[in-house]
Amino acid sequence: MDICNISEYFKLNNKFSIAAYRHTDVPLHRHNYIEMNYVYSGTCVQEINGQTVEMHTGDVTILDRDVVH
């Protein structure tokens, strides 16, 4: 399982990044930074630490470092 490194996604001196995904399958991975997910519209099913979580419009998850998802 890959560890996504913060330097791959954030430019020097940036404190956060925003990315939008739709109809995308992402393999299980973890980060060395905190991740927040917000469902703008519809639903999203995630596996977080081995548990299936179904998110709906307006739901938010905040994932700590090294959480497999």
Protein backbone atom coordinates (compact mmCIF):
# COMPACT_ATOMS: atom_id res chain seq x y z
CA MET A 1 0.00 0.00 0.00
CA ASP A 2 1.33 3.40 -0.96
CA ILE A 3 1.86 6.31 1.38
CA CYS A 4 0.95 9.55 -0.38
CA ASN A 5 3.55 12.12 0.56
CA ILE A 6 2.50 15.69 1.21
CA SER A 7 5.20 17.06 -1.10
CA GLU A 8 3.53 15.33 -4.07
CA TYR A 9 0.33 17.35 -3.69
CA PHE A 10 1.21 20.66 -2.10
CA LYS A 11 3.54 23.32 -3.38
CA LEU A 12 6.03 24.80 -0.95
CA ASN A 13 4.34 27.25 1.46
CA ASN A 14 0.77 26.07 0.70
CA LYS A 15 -1.19 24.94 3.75
CA PHE A 16 -3.95 23.05 1.91
CA SER A 17 -5.07 21.80 -1.46
CA ILE A 18 -8.53 21.24 -2.97
CA ALA A 19 -9.24 18.46 -5.43
CA ALA A 20 -12.56 17.43 -6.98
CA TYR A 21 -13.26 13.85 -8.02
CA ARG A 22 -16.28 12.28 -9.69
CA HIS A 23 -16.83 8.64 -10.63
CA THR A 24 -13.27 7.75 -9.66
CA ASP A 25 -12.05 4.49 -8.14
CA VAL A 26 -9.07 5.06 -5.87
CA PRO A 27 -7.02 2.15 -4.48
CA LEU A 28 -6.53 1.84 -0.73
CA HIS A 29 -3.83 4.21 0.45
CA ARG A 30 -2.81 6.44 3.36
CA HIS A 31 -1.26 9.88 3.76
CA ASN A 32 1.33 11.58 5.93
CA TYR A 33 -1.10 14.50 6.25
CA ILE A 34 -4.70 15.08 7.37
CA GLU A 35 -7.42 14.70 4.72
CA MET A 36 -10.96 16.10 4.76
CA ASN A 37 -13.65 14.84 2.38
CA TYR A 38 -16.94 16.64 1.67
CA VAL A 39 -19.76 15.24 -0.46
CA TYR A 40 -21.13 18.17 -2.45
CA SER A 41 -23.85 16.16 -4.18
CA GLY A 42 -24.96 12.53 -4.32
CA THR A 43 -23.29 9.69 -2.46
CA CYS A 44 -19.82 8.31 -1.92
CA VAL A 45 -18.80 4.94 -0.50
CA GLN A 46 -15.41 4.72 1.18
CA GLU A 47 -13.54 2.04 3.05
CA ILE A 48 -11.94 3.61 6.13
CA ASN A 49 -9.77 1.39 8.37
CA GLY A 50 -11.59 -1.69 7.07
CA GLN A 51 -15.11 -0.33 7.57
CA THR A 52 -17.44 0.66 4.74
CA VAL A 53 -18.75 4.21 5.14
CA GLU A 54 -21.54 5.54 2.91
CA MET A 55 -21.51 9.32 2.69
CA HIS A 56 -24.34 11.52 1.41
CA THR A 57 -24.73 15.13 0.31
CA GLY A 58 -23.35 17.42 3.02
CA ASP A 59 -21.38 14.70 4.86
CA VAL A 60 -17.79 15.33 5.93
CA THR A 61 -14.98 12.98 6.97
CA ILE A 62 -11.70 14.06 8.53
CA LEU A 63 -8.98 11.44 8.29
CA ASP A 64 -5.87 11.59 10.45
CA ARG A 65 -2.39 10.70 9.19
CA ASP A 66 -1.80 7.04 8.31
CA VAL A 67 -5.52 6.12 8.16
CA VAL A 68 -5.99 3.50 5.44
CA HIS A 69 -8.82 4.49 3.12
